[in-house]
Amino acid sequence: MRAGRLISSTANIAMKHMNIVIQHKQRRQFSNRTRNDAIQELFRHLESNYGNLSSLIDTGTAAETIVADDGIIHANHLKRLFEHDATALHVRNFYNSESATQLGEELIQ
């Protein structure tokens, strides 16, 4: 029952966020403030309804974001990620920046 409420509530927040996106679509320029406000609203809602989100946050090496500067996904990085010994893997220059910008523009249309 609680999971159903979470999904329903999260869907409502997502719809609010989508409305913000639609309002700014014509400009095709999103301010970081608008995004941050929507994200903060989502987490305030989740925390107020379900509480103790901080207990879900990893600490220590498990909270690390592995950064690969050479544009290559390395096996040892994936191993750490899949063993939950890191939270994220950021591979710089993995995807062409012009293509990423174009894809982003297409996704917000």
C-alpha atoms as a PDB file:
ATOM      1  CA  MET A   1       0.000   0.000   0.000  1.00  0.00           C
ATOM      2  CA  ARG A   2       2.792   2.405   0.922  1.00  0.00           C
ATOM      3  CA  ALA A   3       4.632   1.672  -2.330  1.00  0.00           C
ATOM      4  CA  GLY A   4       1.477   2.540  -4.278  1.00  0.00           C
ATOM      5  CA  ARG A   5       1.227   5.872  -2.456  1.00  0.00           C
ATOM      6  CA  LEU A   6       4.890   6.551  -3.155  1.00  0.00           C
ATOM      7  CA  ILE A   7       4.461   5.853  -6.857  1.00  0.00           C
ATOM      8  CA  SER A   8       1.307   7.966  -7.041  1.00  0.00           C
ATOM      9  CA  SER A   9       2.861  10.851  -5.122  1.00  0.00           C
ATOM     10  CA  THR A  10       6.060  10.663  -7.136  1.00  0.00           C
ATOM     11  CA  ALA A  11       4.013  10.693 -10.338  1.00  0.00           C
ATOM     12  CA  ASN A  12       2.270  13.875  -9.141  1.00  0.00           C
ATOM     13  CA  ILE A  13       5.608  15.540  -8.434  1.00  0.00           C
ATOM     14  CA  ALA A  14       6.879  14.400 -11.837  1.00  0.00           C
ATOM     15  CA  MET A  15       3.822  15.977 -13.458  1.00  0.00           C
ATOM     16  CA  LYS A  16       4.503  19.253 -11.623  1.00  0.00           C
ATOM     17  CA  HIS A  17       8.089  19.099 -12.836  1.00  0.00           C
ATOM     18  CA  MET A  18       6.903  18.379 -16.386  1.00  0.00           C
ATOM     19  CA  ASN A  19       4.630  21.428 -16.217  1.00  0.00           C
ATOM     20  CA  ILE A  20       7.640  23.543 -15.272  1.00  0.00           C
ATOM     21  CA  VAL A  21       9.533  22.094 -18.243  1.00  0.00           C
ATOM     22  CA  ILE A  22       6.639  22.810 -20.598  1.00  0.00           C
ATOM     23  CA  GLN A  23       6.391  26.400 -19.352  1.00  0.00           C
ATOM     24  CA  HIS A  24      10.037  26.963 -20.234  1.00  0.00           C
ATOM     25  CA  LYS A  25      10.089  24.925 -23.430  1.00  0.00           C
ATOM     26  CA  GLN A  26       9.639  27.905 -25.733  1.00  0.00           C
ATOM     27  CA  ARG A  27      12.793  29.501 -24.406  1.00  0.00           C
ATOM     28  CA  ARG A  28      14.715  26.211 -24.700  1.00  0.00           C
ATOM     29  CA  GLN A  29      16.863  27.455 -21.912  1.00  0.00           C
ATOM     30  CA  PHE A  30      16.439  26.056 -18.442  1.00  0.00           C
ATOM     31  CA  SER A  31      17.817  27.881 -15.487  1.00  0.00           C
ATOM     32  CA  ASN A  32      19.609  25.837 -12.894  1.00  0.00           C
ATOM     33  CA  ARG A  33      17.374  27.515 -10.326  1.00  0.00           C
ATOM     34  CA  THR A  34      14.210  26.105 -11.932  1.00  0.00           C
ATOM     35  CA  ARG A  35      15.669  22.605 -12.000  1.00  0.00           C
ATOM     36  CA  ASN A  36      17.006  22.883  -8.478  1.00  0.00           C
ATOM     37  CA  ASP A  37      13.658  24.152  -7.186  1.00  0.00           C
ATOM     38  CA  ALA A  38      11.820  21.209  -8.775  1.00  0.00           C
ATOM     39  CA  ILE A  39      14.323  18.688  -7.412  1.00  0.00           C
ATOM     40  CA  GLN A  40      14.184  20.221  -3.938  1.00  0.00           C
ATOM     41  CA  GLU A  41      10.384  20.113  -4.021  1.00  0.00           C
ATOM     42  CA  LEU A  42      10.489  16.425  -4.941  1.00  0.00           C
ATOM     43  CA  PHE A  43      12.807  15.563  -2.055  1.00  0.00           C
ATOM     44  CA  ARG A  44      10.875  17.716   0.443  1.00  0.00           C
ATOM     45  CA  HIS A  45       7.733  15.825  -0.549  1.00  0.00           C
ATOM     46  CA  LEU A  46       9.404  12.421  -0.218  1.00  0.00           C
ATOM     47  CA  GLU A  47      11.003  13.297   3.114  1.00  0.00           C
ATOM     48  CA  SER A  48       7.784  14.715   4.577  1.00  0.00           C
ATOM     49  CA  ASN A  49       5.721  11.681   3.535  1.00  0.00           C
ATOM     50  CA  TYR A  50       8.165   8.838   4.007  1.00  0.00           C
ATOM     51  CA  GLY A  51      10.934  10.269   6.203  1.00  0.00           C
ATOM     52  CA  ASN A  52      14.506   9.352   6.995  1.00  0.00           C
ATOM     53  CA  LEU A  53      15.894   9.608   3.471  1.00  0.00           C
ATOM     54  CA  SER A  54      19.334  10.336   4.909  1.00  0.00           C
ATOM     55  CA  SER A  55      19.524   6.727   6.097  1.00  0.00           C
ATOM     56  CA  LEU A  56      19.517   5.671   2.448  1.00  0.00           C
ATOM     57  CA  ILE A  57      22.598   7.711   1.549  1.00  0.00           C
ATOM     58  CA  ASP A  58      25.829   5.758   1.268  1.00  0.00           C
ATOM     59  CA  THR A  59      28.874   6.881   3.213  1.00  0.00           C
ATOM     60  CA  GLY A  60      32.579   6.179   2.900  1.00  0.00           C
ATOM     61  CA  THR A  61      33.928   4.587  -0.285  1.00  0.00           C
ATOM     62  CA  ALA A  62      30.418   3.429  -1.214  1.00  0.00           C
ATOM     63  CA  ALA A  63      29.467   7.099  -1.632  1.00  0.00           C
ATOM     64  CA  GLU A  64      32.314   7.766  -4.055  1.00  0.00           C
ATOM     65  CA  THR A  65      31.775   8.796  -7.649  1.00  0.00           C
ATOM     66  CA  ILE A  66      34.479   7.163  -9.746  1.00  0.00           C
ATOM     67  CA  VAL A  67      35.764   9.583 -12.388  1.00  0.00           C
ATOM     68  CA  ALA A  68      37.513   8.262 -15.496  1.00  0.00           C
ATOM     69  CA  ASP A  69      39.248  11.090 -17.364  1.00  0.00           C
ATOM     70  CA  ASP A  70      40.340   9.007 -20.335  1.00  0.00           C
ATOM     71  CA  GLY A  71      36.855   8.453 -21.821  1.00  0.00           C
ATOM     72  CA  ILE A  72      37.028   4.689 -21.256  1.00  0.00           C
ATOM     73  CA  ILE A  73      34.854   2.493 -19.040  1.00  0.00           C
ATOM     74  CA  HIS A  74      37.294   0.237 -17.172  1.00  0.00           C
ATOM     75  CA  ALA A  75      36.428  -3.215 -15.822  1.00  0.00           C
ATOM     76  CA  ASN A  76      37.703  -2.420 -12.321  1.00  0.00           C
ATOM     77  CA  HIS A  77      35.396   0.621 -12.170  1.00  0.00           C
ATOM     78  CA  LEU A  78      32.380  -1.459 -13.214  1.00  0.00           C
ATOM     79  CA  LYS A  79      33.317  -4.103 -10.664  1.00  0.00           C
ATOM     80  CA  ARG A  80      33.327  -1.510  -7.854  1.00  0.00           C
ATOM     81  CA  LEU A  81      30.042  -0.065  -9.093  1.00  0.00           C
ATOM     82  CA  PHE A  82      28.300  -3.449  -9.317  1.00  0.00           C
ATOM     83  CA  GLU A  83      29.625  -4.506  -5.903  1.00  0.00           C
ATOM     84  CA  HIS A  84      28.145  -1.296  -4.415  1.00  0.00           C
ATOM     85  CA  ASP A  85      31.605  -0.041  -3.526  1.00  0.00           C
ATOM     86  CA  ALA A  86      30.848   3.202  -5.412  1.00  0.00           C
ATOM     87  CA  THR A  87      27.703   5.190  -6.074  1.00  0.00           C
ATOM     88  CA  ALA A  88      28.380   6.376  -9.609  1.00  0.00           C
ATOM     89  CA  LEU A  89      30.758   6.207 -12.530  1.00  0.00           C
ATOM     90  CA  HIS A  90      31.454   9.416 -14.465  1.00  0.00           C
ATOM     91  CA  VAL A  91      33.353   8.807 -17.695  1.00  0.00           C
ATOM     92  CA  ARG A  92      34.416  12.170 -19.079  1.00  0.00           C
ATOM     93  CA  ASN A  93      34.276  12.531 -22.861  1.00  0.00           C
ATOM     94  CA  PHE A  94      32.492   9.186 -23.202  1.00  0.00           C
ATOM     95  CA  TYR A  95      29.840  10.749 -25.411  1.00  0.00           C
ATOM     96  CA  ASN A  96      30.532  13.482 -27.949  1.00  0.00           C
ATOM     97  CA  SER A  97      29.518  16.828 -26.407  1.00  0.00           C
ATOM     98  CA  GLU A  98      27.843  18.134 -29.578  1.00  0.00           C
ATOM     99  CA  SER A  99      25.792  14.951 -29.876  1.00  0.00           C
ATOM    100  CA  ALA A 100      24.863  15.174 -26.200  1.00  0.00           C
ATOM    101  CA  THR A 101      23.674  18.756 -26.659  1.00  0.00           C
ATOM    102  CA  GLN A 102      21.619  17.776 -29.696  1.00  0.00           C
ATOM    103  CA  LEU A 103      20.115  14.792 -27.870  1.00  0.00           C
ATOM    104  CA  GLY A 104      19.241  17.004 -24.910  1.00  0.00           C
ATOM    105  CA  GLU A 105      17.484  19.481 -27.202  1.00  0.00           C
ATOM    106  CA  GLU A 106      15.498  16.671 -28.820  1.00  0.00           C
ATOM    107  CA  LEU A 107      14.477  15.221 -25.461  1.00  0.00           C
ATOM    108  CA  ILE A 108      13.035  18.498 -24.189  1.00  0.00           C
ATOM    109  CA  GLN A 109      10.912  19.038 -27.292  1.00  0.00           C
END
